[in-house]
Amino acid sequence: QSKQQTQRYQRELQQLTRNIQNQQSRLESLQREQREIQEDEGDNDEIQQTMTELQNSIEDEKSQIQGLEEEIEPFRTKEKELLEQVRGCKRELQNLEQKVKDEQHSIHMLKDNYRKMCDRLKRNQQQIKVVPAKIQQLESALEDDEKELEDEKKRIKAINAEARKAGPEIAPENYPRNPQNRNRVYKYRELQQERHRIEARLEEWRKAAPPADEIKQRFNAIKPKYETHQERVDRCNQHVDEMNRLLRHRTKEWEAMKDHVRRRLSIEFRLIMRKQGHEGGLDIDYDAKKLDMRVHMASHDGSTQVVNSKTLSGGERSFTQVALIMALQKFSGSPMCIYDEFDVFMDSVNRGNSIKILLGAALGDDKEKPTPPERQYIFITPNDISPVI
C-alpha cells in the first residue's frame, strides 16, 4: 500500500513539475515579448496597454507559480518521507530475501538428508530381506559342523581305544618327532602316514627277507665283528676328542704367545727408542697382517711430538728402522745378524748413537740389562767408525 501511495505521489509530483515547467516557459516567452516591445521604438498607447497587460499577466503567472511551488513543497516533504520508507522497505525486503535463501538452503540440506536416509533405509531393507537366507545358511552350516563334531568325537574315541590297546601312554617329551619337519612332534595325520609307510615296508621286508633261522645265524656271525669294529670306532672317537682338546689347548697357548710377543715387541722397541730420548710403540694386527709404528721424536727444547713415519728425516728414519730390527731380532732364532750400510742416511749424532746401541747388543754389555751375546753380529758400513769406537 505504501508503494502504491508513493507511486501516486510521484505521478502528482511529476504533473506539478510539468505545470511549473510550462508556466516557466510561458513566462520566458512573455518576457521575450516584453523585451521585443521595449526595443520597439514606436511607443504608442496600444503598445503600452499591451505592455501593461503583459506585465499583469506576468504577475499573475508568477503568483500562480508561487502558489504551485507552495503546493509542491508538502509533496516534496512527503516524497522524502516516502523515499525513506521505500529505503526501509528495500532493506526489509533484502533481509527477507536473505532469510528466504537461508530457508531454501536449509530445505535443500534437509532434502539431501532425507534422500540419504531413504537410500540408507532401502539398503537396510534389502539387507533385512537377505538376513533370513543367511540365517538359514548359518543354521545349515552349524548343523553340518555339529555332525562333523560328533563324527570327530567318535573317531577320537576309536583312536583312544586303539591307543590303549597298543600300550601304555607316552609322556609328551617322548613323543616321536619328524626329522623331515624340523624335528617337530608328529601330527596325527603325519603319524598315520608314517605308520602306513612303516607297515608297507615291513610287509615288503617280510616278503623279501630269508627265513628267521638264517637271519639268526647271520646275526650271530656278524655280531663279534660288529662289536670289534664298534670298539675300534669308540677308541678312534676318544683319540679324536683328545686331539681336539689338545688342539684347543695349543690354540689357546698360541694366542697367548702372540699377545706376549705383541707386548714384548712394543716394549723392546720403546726401550731402544728411549736410549736416544725418543718414544715409540708398535701395534700388531695378526689377522690383517699389519704392523703400525707410533713414533714420538724428541725436539731440541726437550719436548716430544707425534710424527708420521713418512715425515721423518733420513737419519731419524734410519734410526727408527734399526730400532725396529733390533726389537724383531729378540724373537728370531737366527745365529747371525748382518747390518749392511745401516748408517748411510744418518747424521753424525744418530750414527754414533746407533753404533753404540748395536755394539752394546752384540757384546752383551747393556748397562740396563747385561746379558751374554746370543748370536754373531756383522756390521757393514762405508763410514769411518773409529771415532765412535
Protein backbone atom coordinates (compact mmCIF):
# COMPACT_ATOMS: atom_id res chain seq x y z
CA GLN A 1 0.00 0.00 0.00
CA SER A 2 2.83 2.42 0.83
CA LYS A 3 4.37 1.58 -2.52
CA GLN A 4 1.15 2.47 -4.31
CA GLN A 5 0.88 5.76 -2.40
CA THR A 6 4.48 6.55 -3.30
CA GLN A 7 3.81 5.88 -6.95
CA ARG A 8 0.66 8.10 -6.83
CA TYR A 9 2.54 10.95 -5.14
CA GLN A 10 5.31 10.61 -7.68
CA ARG A 11 2.80 10.89 -10.52
CA GLU A 12 1.20 14.03 -8.97
CA LEU A 13 4.63 15.50 -8.34
CA GLN A 14 5.61 14.84 -11.94
CA GLN A 15 2.36 16.51 -13.12
CA LEU A 16 3.00 19.60 -10.96
CA THR A 17 6.59 19.71 -12.15
CA ARG A 18 5.40 19.69 -15.75
CA ASN A 19 2.90 22.52 -14.98
CA ILE A 20 5.68 24.58 -13.40
CA GLN A 21 7.87 23.97 -16.42
CA ASN A 22 5.01 25.04 -18.73
CA GLN A 23 4.38 28.20 -16.70
CA GLN A 24 8.10 28.96 -16.70
CA SER A 25 8.21 28.52 -20.46
CA ARG A 26 5.23 30.87 -20.83
CA LEU A 27 6.86 33.37 -18.51
CA GLU A 28 10.02 33.23 -20.57
CA SER A 29 8.03 33.75 -23.78
CA LEU A 30 6.21 36.74 -22.25
CA GLN A 31 9.47 38.23 -21.05
CA ARG A 32 10.88 37.87 -24.54
CA GLU A 33 7.82 39.64 -25.95
CA GLN A 34 8.25 42.39 -23.36
CA ARG A 35 11.83 42.86 -24.35
CA GLU A 36 10.87 42.92 -28.00
CA ILE A 37 8.14 45.53 -27.33
CA GLN A 38 10.54 47.63 -25.24
CA GLU A 39 13.03 47.55 -28.04
CA ASP A 40 10.47 48.71 -30.49
CA GLU A 41 10.82 52.46 -30.99
CA GLY A 42 7.15 53.01 -31.82
CA ASP A 43 5.80 53.73 -28.35
CA ASN A 44 2.09 54.09 -28.64
CA ASP A 45 -0.75 53.59 -26.31
CA GLU A 46 -1.64 50.24 -27.66
CA ILE A 47 1.79 49.02 -27.08
CA GLN A 48 1.77 50.42 -23.57
CA GLN A 49 -1.59 48.88 -22.94
CA THR A 50 -0.27 45.64 -24.25
CA MET A 51 2.76 46.02 -22.06
CA THR A 52 0.57 46.61 -19.07
CA GLU A 53 -1.48 43.58 -19.84
CA LEU A 54 1.62 41.55 -20.34
CA GLN A 55 3.01 42.75 -17.05
CA ASN A 56 -0.26 41.95 -15.33
CA SER A 57 -0.30 38.51 -16.92
CA ILE A 58 3.32 38.01 -15.88
CA GLU A 59 2.44 38.95 -12.34
CA ASP A 60 -0.47 36.55 -12.43
CA GLU A 61 1.71 33.84 -13.79
CA LYS A 62 4.32 34.50 -11.08
CA SER A 63 1.65 34.36 -8.40
CA GLN A 64 0.35 31.12 -9.89
CA ILE A 65 3.91 29.72 -9.97
CA GLN A 66 4.45 30.68 -6.32
CA GLY A 67 1.16 29.04 -5.41
CA LEU A 68 2.14 25.94 -7.27
CA GLU A 69 5.53 25.89 -5.56
CA GLU A 70 3.80 26.26 -2.20
CA GLU A 71 1.55 23.37 -3.15
CA ILE A 72 4.56 21.32 -4.28
CA GLU A 73 6.55 21.87 -1.07
CA PRO A 74 4.46 19.48 1.12
CA PHE A 75 4.60 16.95 -1.70
CA ARG A 76 8.39 17.17 -1.69
CA THR A 77 8.42 16.60 2.06
CA LYS A 78 6.11 13.67 1.62
CA GLU A 79 8.33 12.44 -1.22
CA LYS A 80 11.38 12.44 1.09
CA GLU A 81 9.40 10.62 3.76
CA LEU A 82 8.14 8.12 1.22
CA LEU A 83 11.68 7.66 -0.13
CA GLU A 84 12.89 6.90 3.42
CA GLN A 85 10.02 4.44 3.80
CA VAL A 86 10.92 2.89 0.43
CA ARG A 87 14.55 2.51 1.56
CA GLY A 88 13.42 0.84 4.78
CA CYS A 89 11.10 -1.41 2.79
CA LYS A 90 14.01 -2.32 0.48
CA ARG A 91 16.21 -3.18 3.46
CA GLU A 92 13.45 -5.29 4.96
CA LEU A 93 12.90 -6.86 1.56
CA GLN A 94 16.64 -7.70 1.30
CA ASN A 95 16.56 -9.20 4.79
CA LEU A 96 13.50 -11.21 3.84
CA GLU A 97 15.20 -12.36 0.63
CA GLN A 98 18.30 -13.43 2.64
CA LYS A 99 16.10 -15.30 5.09
CA VAL A 100 14.31 -16.94 2.17
CA LYS A 101 17.68 -18.02 0.70
CA ASP A 102 18.78 -19.41 4.07
CA GLU A 103 15.49 -21.26 4.43
CA GLN A 104 15.84 -22.58 0.86
CA HIS A 105 19.41 -23.76 1.64
CA SER A 106 18.23 -25.45 4.85
CA ILE A 107 15.34 -27.03 2.92
CA HIS A 108 17.84 -28.25 0.30
CA MET A 109 20.04 -29.75 3.03
CA LEU A 110 17.01 -31.38 4.62
CA LYS A 111 16.04 -32.80 1.25
CA ASP A 112 19.54 -34.23 0.78
CA ASN A 113 19.48 -35.73 4.28
CA TYR A 114 16.02 -37.14 3.61
CA ARG A 115 17.22 -38.65 0.32
CA LYS A 116 20.28 -40.18 2.01
CA MET A 117 18.10 -41.56 4.79
CA CYS A 118 15.77 -43.03 2.19
CA ASP A 119 18.72 -44.66 0.38
CA ARG A 120 20.06 -46.00 3.67
CA LEU A 121 16.63 -47.26 4.58
CA LYS A 122 16.36 -49.03 1.22
CA ARG A 123 19.76 -50.67 1.70
CA ASN A 124 18.83 -51.73 5.21
CA GLN A 125 15.56 -53.15 3.90
CA GLN A 126 17.47 -55.08 1.23
CA GLN A 127 19.88 -56.39 3.87
CA ILE A 128 16.94 -57.33 6.09
CA LYS A 129 15.49 -59.30 3.21
CA VAL A 130 18.79 -61.19 2.83
CA VAL A 131 19.14 -61.90 6.59
CA PRO A 132 16.67 -64.86 6.73
CA ALA A 133 18.52 -66.63 3.92
CA LYS A 134 21.85 -66.05 5.67
CA ILE A 135 20.39 -67.32 8.93
CA GLN A 136 19.25 -70.47 7.16
CA GLN A 137 22.71 -70.93 5.62
CA LEU A 138 24.37 -70.47 9.01
CA GLU A 139 21.94 -72.87 10.65
CA SER A 140 22.63 -75.49 7.97
CA ALA A 141 26.39 -74.91 8.33
CA LEU A 142 26.03 -75.21 12.12
CA GLU A 143 24.18 -78.50 11.73
CA ASP A 144 26.95 -79.76 9.41
CA ASP A 145 29.59 -78.66 11.92
CA GLU A 146 27.76 -80.41 14.72
CA LYS A 147 27.63 -83.58 12.65
CA GLU A 148 31.36 -83.28 11.90
CA LEU A 149 32.00 -82.69 15.61
CA GLU A 150 30.10 -85.84 16.54
CA ASP A 151 31.99 -87.79 13.88
CA GLU A 152 35.29 -86.38 15.16
CA LYS A 153 34.42 -87.31 18.74
CA LYS A 154 33.63 -90.85 17.63
CA ARG A 155 36.88 -91.02 15.67
CA ILE A 156 38.85 -89.74 18.70
CA LYS A 157 37.20 -92.34 20.94
CA ALA A 158 38.13 -95.05 18.46
CA ILE A 159 41.72 -93.75 18.32
CA ASN A 160 41.95 -93.65 22.12
CA ALA A 161 40.65 -97.21 22.33
CA GLU A 162 43.18 -98.33 19.72
CA ALA A 163 45.96 -96.46 21.56
CA ARG A 164 45.06 -98.13 24.85
CA LYS A 165 45.23 -101.49 23.17
CA ALA A 166 48.65 -100.62 21.66
CA GLY A 167 50.29 -99.98 25.05
CA PRO A 168 50.75 -97.52 27.95
CA GLU A 169 50.55 -93.74 27.42
CA ILE A 170 53.74 -91.97 26.28
CA ALA A 171 54.93 -88.80 28.03
CA PRO A 172 54.91 -85.60 25.88
CA GLU A 173 58.70 -85.35 25.94
CA ASN A 174 58.92 -88.87 24.47
CA TYR A 175 56.55 -88.20 21.56
CA PRO A 176 58.00 -89.30 18.21
CA ARG A 177 59.41 -86.43 16.15
CA ASN A 178 59.51 -85.88 12.40
CA PRO A 179 63.09 -85.28 11.18
CA GLN A 180 61.77 -84.01 7.85
CA ASN A 181 59.75 -81.23 9.57
CA ARG A 182 62.47 -79.54 11.70
CA ASN A 183 62.30 -82.36 14.25
CA ARG A 184 58.83 -81.32 15.39
CA VAL A 185 56.34 -83.67 17.03
CA TYR A 186 54.35 -85.76 14.60
CA LYS A 187 50.83 -84.60 13.97
CA TYR A 188 48.10 -87.23 13.93
CA ARG A 189 47.83 -87.37 10.15
CA GLU A 190 51.60 -87.40 9.74
CA LEU A 191 51.82 -90.20 12.32
CA GLN A 192 49.19 -92.20 10.46
CA GLN A 193 51.01 -91.70 7.16
CA GLU A 194 54.32 -92.74 8.78
CA ARG A 195 52.64 -95.79 10.28
CA HIS A 196 51.25 -96.83 6.89
CA ARG A 197 54.68 -96.39 5.31
CA ILE A 198 56.39 -98.47 8.01
CA GLU A 199 53.73 -101.18 7.73
CA ALA A 200 54.22 -101.26 3.95
CA ARG A 201 58.00 -101.53 4.38
CA LEU A 202 57.58 -104.30 6.95
CA GLU A 203 55.32 -106.17 4.59
CA GLU A 204 57.83 -105.78 1.77
CA TRP A 205 60.66 -106.89 4.08
CA ARG A 206 58.69 -109.93 5.21
CA LYS A 207 58.13 -110.93 1.61
CA ALA A 208 61.76 -110.40 0.56
CA ALA A 209 63.56 -111.49 3.79
CA PRO A 210 65.02 -115.00 4.25
CA PRO A 211 63.77 -117.37 6.98
CA ALA A 212 64.20 -116.46 10.65
CA ASP A 213 66.79 -119.23 11.34
CA GLU A 214 69.06 -117.99 8.58
CA ILE A 215 68.75 -114.43 9.86
CA LYS A 216 69.74 -115.55 13.38
CA GLN A 217 72.78 -117.43 12.05
CA ARG A 218 73.92 -114.41 10.07
CA PHE A 219 73.36 -112.17 13.10
CA ASN A 220 75.46 -114.45 15.36
CA ALA A 221 78.24 -114.48 12.76
CA ILE A 222 78.27 -110.71 12.27
CA LYS A 223 77.84 -109.70 15.92
CA PRO A 224 81.51 -110.29 17.03
CA LYS A 225 82.81 -108.34 14.03
CA TYR A 226 80.38 -105.54 14.79
CA GLU A 227 81.44 -105.39 18.45
CA THR A 228 85.13 -105.36 17.47
CA HIS A 229 84.52 -102.64 14.92
CA GLN A 230 82.46 -100.65 17.45
CA GLU A 231 85.33 -100.82 19.96
CA ARG A 232 87.75 -99.52 17.32
CA VAL A 233 85.34 -96.72 16.45
CA ASP A 234 84.99 -95.80 20.13
CA ARG A 235 88.79 -95.70 20.56
CA CYS A 236 89.11 -93.60 17.42
CA ASN A 237 86.47 -91.21 18.74
CA GLN A 238 88.37 -90.96 22.02
CA HIS A 239 91.56 -90.15 20.12
CA VAL A 240 89.73 -87.53 18.09
CA ASP A 241 88.31 -85.96 21.24
CA GLU A 242 91.76 -85.94 22.84
CA MET A 243 93.28 -84.36 19.71
CA ASN A 244 90.57 -81.71 19.69
CA ARG A 245 91.25 -80.97 23.36
CA LEU A 246 94.99 -80.68 22.67
CA LEU A 247 94.29 -78.53 19.62
CA ARG A 248 92.17 -76.17 21.68
CA HIS A 249 94.88 -76.03 24.35
CA ARG A 250 97.61 -75.34 21.79
CA THR A 251 95.46 -72.73 20.09
CA LYS A 252 94.99 -71.02 23.43
CA GLU A 253 98.76 -71.18 24.08
CA TRP A 254 99.40 -69.86 20.57
CA GLU A 255 97.08 -66.90 21.15
CA ALA A 256 98.74 -66.21 24.50
CA MET A 257 102.17 -66.36 22.83
CA LYS A 258 101.06 -63.91 20.13
CA ASP A 259 99.81 -61.50 22.78
CA HIS A 260 103.11 -61.88 24.69
CA VAL A 261 105.14 -61.26 21.53
CA ARG A 262 102.97 -58.23 20.68
CA ARG A 263 103.54 -56.68 24.10
CA ARG A 264 107.24 -57.56 24.36
CA LEU A 265 107.98 -56.33 20.83
CA SER A 266 106.39 -52.95 21.59
CA ILE A 267 108.31 -52.76 24.90
CA GLU A 268 111.67 -53.61 23.24
CA PHE A 269 111.06 -51.01 20.54
CA ARG A 270 110.17 -48.40 23.17
CA LEU A 271 113.31 -49.20 25.23
CA ILE A 272 115.59 -48.87 22.20
CA MET A 273 113.91 -45.55 21.20
CA ARG A 274 114.33 -44.22 24.76
CA LYS A 275 118.10 -44.70 24.57
CA GLN A 276 118.17 -41.69 22.28
CA GLY A 277 115.45 -39.76 24.12
CA HIS A 278 112.57 -40.71 21.83
CA GLU A 279 109.35 -42.58 22.49
CA GLY A 280 107.55 -45.12 20.37
CA GLY A 281 105.39 -48.19 20.18
CA LEU A 282 104.27 -50.95 17.82
CA ASP A 283 100.69 -52.09 17.12
CA ILE A 284 100.49 -55.55 15.53
CA ASP A 285 97.33 -56.87 13.87
CA TYR A 286 97.88 -60.58 13.16
CA ASP A 287 94.57 -61.00 11.34
CA ALA A 288 95.13 -58.11 8.91
CA LYS A 289 98.91 -58.82 8.80
CA LYS A 290 99.75 -55.18 9.59
CA LEU A 291 102.34 -53.52 11.81
CA ASP A 292 101.74 -49.87 12.75
CA MET A 293 104.58 -47.81 14.18
CA ARG A 294 103.95 -44.90 16.60
CA VAL A 295 106.94 -42.53 16.99
CA HIS A 296 107.35 -39.59 19.44
CA MET A 297 110.53 -37.78 18.37
CA ALA A 298 112.36 -35.60 20.88
CA SER A 299 112.78 -31.89 19.99
CA HIS A 300 115.68 -29.58 20.83
CA ASP A 301 113.66 -27.97 23.63
CA GLY A 302 113.20 -31.34 25.39
CA SER A 303 109.54 -31.89 24.35
CA THR A 304 108.25 -34.77 22.24
CA GLN A 305 105.90 -34.58 19.30
CA VAL A 306 103.96 -37.30 17.49
CA VAL A 307 105.05 -37.60 13.87
CA ASN A 308 104.25 -39.85 10.95
CA SER A 309 106.98 -42.20 9.79
CA LYS A 310 106.70 -40.64 6.31
CA THR A 311 107.63 -37.18 7.67
CA LEU A 312 110.79 -38.33 9.48
CA SER A 313 114.19 -37.15 8.30
CA GLY A 314 116.66 -39.61 6.77
CA GLY A 315 118.65 -40.07 9.99
CA GLU A 316 115.52 -40.37 12.15
CA ARG A 317 114.01 -42.90 9.76
CA SER A 318 117.22 -44.97 9.66
CA PHE A 319 117.45 -44.98 13.47
CA THR A 320 113.78 -45.99 13.73
CA GLN A 321 114.40 -48.85 11.29
CA VAL A 322 117.43 -50.02 13.30
CA ALA A 323 115.34 -49.94 16.47
CA LEU A 324 112.61 -51.98 14.76
CA ILE A 325 115.14 -54.59 13.50
CA MET A 326 116.75 -54.88 16.93
CA ALA A 327 113.33 -55.37 18.55
CA LEU A 328 112.40 -58.03 15.98
CA GLN A 329 115.69 -59.93 16.39
CA LYS A 330 114.82 -60.60 20.04
CA PHE A 331 112.23 -63.06 18.73
CA SER A 332 114.36 -64.50 15.91
CA GLY A 333 116.28 -67.75 16.23
CA SER A 334 118.89 -66.83 13.60
CA PRO A 335 122.50 -67.30 14.87
CA MET A 336 123.78 -64.33 12.80
CA CYS A 337 122.63 -60.72 12.27
CA ILE A 338 124.11 -58.75 9.37
CA TYR A 339 123.56 -54.97 9.12
CA ASP A 340 124.58 -53.66 5.70
CA GLU A 341 125.05 -49.88 5.30
CA PHE A 342 122.58 -49.14 8.07
CA ASP A 343 124.06 -45.66 8.73
CA VAL A 344 124.24 -44.27 5.20
CA PHE A 345 121.47 -41.66 5.65
CA MET A 346 122.23 -40.88 9.31
CA ASP A 347 123.85 -37.75 10.62
CA SER A 348 126.87 -38.00 12.93
CA VAL A 349 124.80 -37.91 16.15
CA ASN A 350 122.30 -40.61 15.06
CA ARG A 351 125.12 -42.73 13.58
CA GLY A 352 127.17 -42.61 16.80
CA ASN A 353 124.18 -43.46 18.99
CA SER A 354 123.06 -46.28 16.66
CA ILE A 355 126.54 -47.85 16.55
CA LYS A 356 126.84 -47.71 20.33
CA ILE A 357 123.46 -49.39 20.75
CA LEU A 358 124.34 -52.09 18.20
CA LEU A 359 127.76 -52.74 19.75
CA GLY A 360 126.17 -52.98 23.19
CA ALA A 361 123.72 -55.59 21.89
CA ALA A 362 126.50 -57.51 20.05
CA LEU A 363 128.89 -57.52 23.03
CA GLY A 364 126.21 -58.13 25.64
CA ASP A 365 127.35 -55.20 27.80
CA ASP A 366 124.00 -53.44 28.02
CA LYS A 367 124.07 -51.31 31.17
CA GLU A 368 120.34 -51.73 31.86
CA LYS A 369 120.23 -55.50 31.23
CA PRO A 370 123.68 -57.14 30.82
CA THR A 371 123.34 -60.50 29.05
CA PRO A 372 125.82 -62.66 27.13
CA PRO A 373 125.59 -62.35 23.33
CA GLU A 374 123.14 -64.81 21.79
CA ARG A 375 124.30 -64.52 18.15
CA GLN A 376 127.09 -63.19 15.99
CA TYR A 377 126.76 -59.65 14.53
CA ILE A 378 128.31 -58.39 11.28
CA PHE A 379 128.22 -54.62 10.56
CA ILE A 380 129.00 -53.32 7.08
CA THR A 381 129.31 -49.54 6.65
CA PRO A 382 131.20 -47.28 4.25
CA ASN A 383 131.77 -44.70 7.00
CA ASP A 384 134.64 -44.45 9.48
CA ILE A 385 133.50 -45.61 12.88
CA SER A 386 136.86 -45.35 14.67
CA PRO A 387 135.88 -42.09 16.42
CA VAL A 388 132.76 -43.78 17.80
CA ILE A 389 134.63 -46.89 18.97
